[in-house]
Amino acid sequence: MYAWLWRKLPFGLRGKVIGSIALALATVALLWYVVFPWAEPILPFDDVQVTSDEGVPGGGDPGLVPPGDVVSPDPSAPGGPRPSR
């Protein structure tokens, strides 16, 4: 199939390379904007949610500061500033 495509693309080597890249990009765009949105409702991955050991979605890393928390410096802490609550 690839050999047939390569033979059918016009304009010598440069045109064949550009044509191959254009065909690949068009295929990716077709999949991304048409096929995947069409197939999404029938896939079983609608309500999958990853949780940590604490049961908090996406939680579990004490080094991360949740959005909206204020970080104040704590010189006694070995790891530096900690979120204040």
C-alpha atoms as a PDB file:
ATOM      1  CA  MET A   1       0.000   0.000   0.000  1.00  0.00           C
ATOM      2  CA  TYR A   2       2.778   2.452   0.897  1.00  0.00           C
ATOM      3  CA  ALA A   3       4.680   1.619  -2.269  1.00  0.00           C
ATOM      4  CA  TRP A   4       1.541   2.239  -4.333  1.00  0.00           C
ATOM      5  CA  LEU A   5       0.998   5.594  -2.587  1.00  0.00           C
ATOM      6  CA  TRP A   6       4.631   6.562  -3.118  1.00  0.00           C
ATOM      7  CA  ARG A   7       4.395   5.752  -6.841  1.00  0.00           C
ATOM      8  CA  LYS A   8       1.150   7.745  -7.242  1.00  0.00           C
ATOM      9  CA  LEU A   9       2.354  10.928  -5.508  1.00  0.00           C
ATOM     10  CA  PRO A  10       3.567  13.508  -8.070  1.00  0.00           C
ATOM     11  CA  PHE A  11       6.487  15.986  -8.343  1.00  0.00           C
ATOM     12  CA  GLY A  12       9.586  13.933  -7.648  1.00  0.00           C
ATOM     13  CA  LEU A  13      11.159  13.286  -4.264  1.00  0.00           C
ATOM     14  CA  ARG A  14      10.381  16.693  -2.722  1.00  0.00           C
ATOM     15  CA  GLY A  15       6.732  16.507  -3.787  1.00  0.00           C
ATOM     16  CA  LYS A  16       6.413  12.938  -2.566  1.00  0.00           C
ATOM     17  CA  VAL A  17       7.777  13.843   0.874  1.00  0.00           C
ATOM     18  CA  ILE A  18       5.516  16.896   1.164  1.00  0.00           C
ATOM     19  CA  GLY A  19       2.557  14.898  -0.136  1.00  0.00           C
ATOM     20  CA  SER A  20       3.229  12.089   2.353  1.00  0.00           C
ATOM     21  CA  ILE A  21       3.368  14.555   5.241  1.00  0.00           C
ATOM     22  CA  ALA A  22       0.163  16.228   4.042  1.00  0.00           C
ATOM     23  CA  LEU A  23      -1.621  12.881   3.793  1.00  0.00           C
ATOM     24  CA  ALA A  24      -0.454  11.897   7.281  1.00  0.00           C
ATOM     25  CA  LEU A  25      -1.624  15.232   8.750  1.00  0.00           C
ATOM     26  CA  ALA A  26      -4.969  14.941   6.967  1.00  0.00           C
ATOM     27  CA  THR A  27      -5.426  11.429   8.363  1.00  0.00           C
ATOM     28  CA  VAL A  28      -4.615  12.589  11.908  1.00  0.00           C
ATOM     29  CA  ALA A  29      -6.998  15.557  11.576  1.00  0.00           C
ATOM     30  CA  LEU A  30      -9.779  13.310  10.274  1.00  0.00           C
ATOM     31  CA  LEU A  31      -9.318  10.928  13.195  1.00  0.00           C
ATOM     32  CA  TRP A  32      -9.010  13.724  15.797  1.00  0.00           C
ATOM     33  CA  TYR A  33     -11.958  15.868  14.685  1.00  0.00           C
ATOM     34  CA  VAL A  34     -14.367  13.320  13.152  1.00  0.00           C
ATOM     35  CA  VAL A  35     -13.760   9.704  14.157  1.00  0.00           C
ATOM     36  CA  PHE A  36     -12.756  10.134  17.815  1.00  0.00           C
ATOM     37  CA  PRO A  37     -15.633  12.523  18.716  1.00  0.00           C
ATOM     38  CA  TRP A  38     -18.059  10.151  16.989  1.00  0.00           C
ATOM     39  CA  ALA A  39     -16.711   7.121  18.878  1.00  0.00           C
ATOM     40  CA  GLU A  40     -16.380   8.777  22.306  1.00  0.00           C
ATOM     41  CA  PRO A  41     -19.985   8.207  23.456  1.00  0.00           C
ATOM     42  CA  ILE A  42     -19.806   4.489  22.729  1.00  0.00           C
ATOM     43  CA  LEU A  43     -16.491   3.943  24.552  1.00  0.00           C
ATOM     44  CA  PRO A  44     -16.660   2.735  28.170  1.00  0.00           C
ATOM     45  CA  PHE A  45     -14.345   5.471  29.527  1.00  0.00           C
ATOM     46  CA  ASP A  46     -16.936   8.174  30.318  1.00  0.00           C
ATOM     47  CA  ASP A  47     -16.858   8.183  34.104  1.00  0.00           C
ATOM     48  CA  VAL A  48     -13.431   6.838  35.007  1.00  0.00           C
ATOM     49  CA  GLN A  49     -11.862   8.814  37.841  1.00  0.00           C
ATOM     50  CA  VAL A  50      -8.439   8.128  39.314  1.00  0.00           C
ATOM     51  CA  THR A  51      -8.299   8.514  43.100  1.00  0.00           C
ATOM     52  CA  SER A  52      -5.506   8.311  45.626  1.00  0.00           C
ATOM     53  CA  ASP A  53      -5.370   6.279  48.828  1.00  0.00           C
ATOM     54  CA  GLU A  54      -7.184   9.069  50.696  1.00  0.00           C
ATOM     55  CA  GLY A  55     -10.104   8.910  48.274  1.00  0.00           C
ATOM     56  CA  VAL A  56      -9.395  12.433  47.036  1.00  0.00           C
ATOM     57  CA  PRO A  57      -9.320  12.619  43.232  1.00  0.00           C
ATOM     58  CA  GLY A  58      -5.782  13.350  42.133  1.00  0.00           C
ATOM     59  CA  GLY A  59      -4.589  13.848  45.722  1.00  0.00           C
ATOM     60  CA  GLY A  60      -1.934  12.082  47.657  1.00  0.00           C
ATOM     61  CA  ASP A  61       1.187  14.123  46.876  1.00  0.00           C
ATOM     62  CA  PRO A  62       1.964  16.254  49.938  1.00  0.00           C
ATOM     63  CA  GLY A  63       4.363  18.436  47.953  1.00  0.00           C
ATOM     64  CA  LEU A  64       1.574  19.797  45.759  1.00  0.00           C
ATOM     65  CA  VAL A  65      -0.431  22.819  46.843  1.00  0.00           C
ATOM     66  CA  PRO A  66      -4.161  22.652  46.041  1.00  0.00           C
ATOM     67  CA  PRO A  67      -5.536  25.569  44.003  1.00  0.00           C
ATOM     68  CA  GLY A  68      -6.565  28.508  46.172  1.00  0.00           C
ATOM     69  CA  ASP A  69      -4.209  27.706  49.070  1.00  0.00           C
ATOM     70  CA  VAL A  70      -1.732  30.337  50.203  1.00  0.00           C
ATOM     71  CA  VAL A  71       1.877  29.250  50.582  1.00  0.00           C
ATOM     72  CA  SER A  72       3.722  30.799  53.536  1.00  0.00           C
ATOM     73  CA  PRO A  73       7.389  30.170  54.305  1.00  0.00           C
ATOM     74  CA  ASP A  74       8.120  27.827  57.205  1.00  0.00           C
ATOM     75  CA  PRO A  75      11.854  27.904  58.023  1.00  0.00           C
ATOM     76  CA  SER A  76      11.606  25.000  60.469  1.00  0.00           C
ATOM     77  CA  ALA A  77      10.301  22.604  57.836  1.00  0.00           C
ATOM     78  CA  PRO A  78      13.015  20.553  56.079  1.00  0.00           C
ATOM     79  CA  GLY A  79      11.281  20.782  52.721  1.00  0.00           C
ATOM     80  CA  GLY A  80      10.795  24.559  52.761  1.00  0.00           C
ATOM     81  CA  PRO A  81       7.449  26.373  52.548  1.00  0.00           C
ATOM     82  CA  ARG A  82       4.244  24.448  53.244  1.00  0.00           C
ATOM     83  CA  PRO A  83       0.667  25.379  52.376  1.00  0.00           C
ATOM     84  CA  SER A  84      -1.164  27.252  55.114  1.00  0.00           C
ATOM     85  CA  ARG A  85      -4.772  26.424  55.829  1.00  0.00           C
END
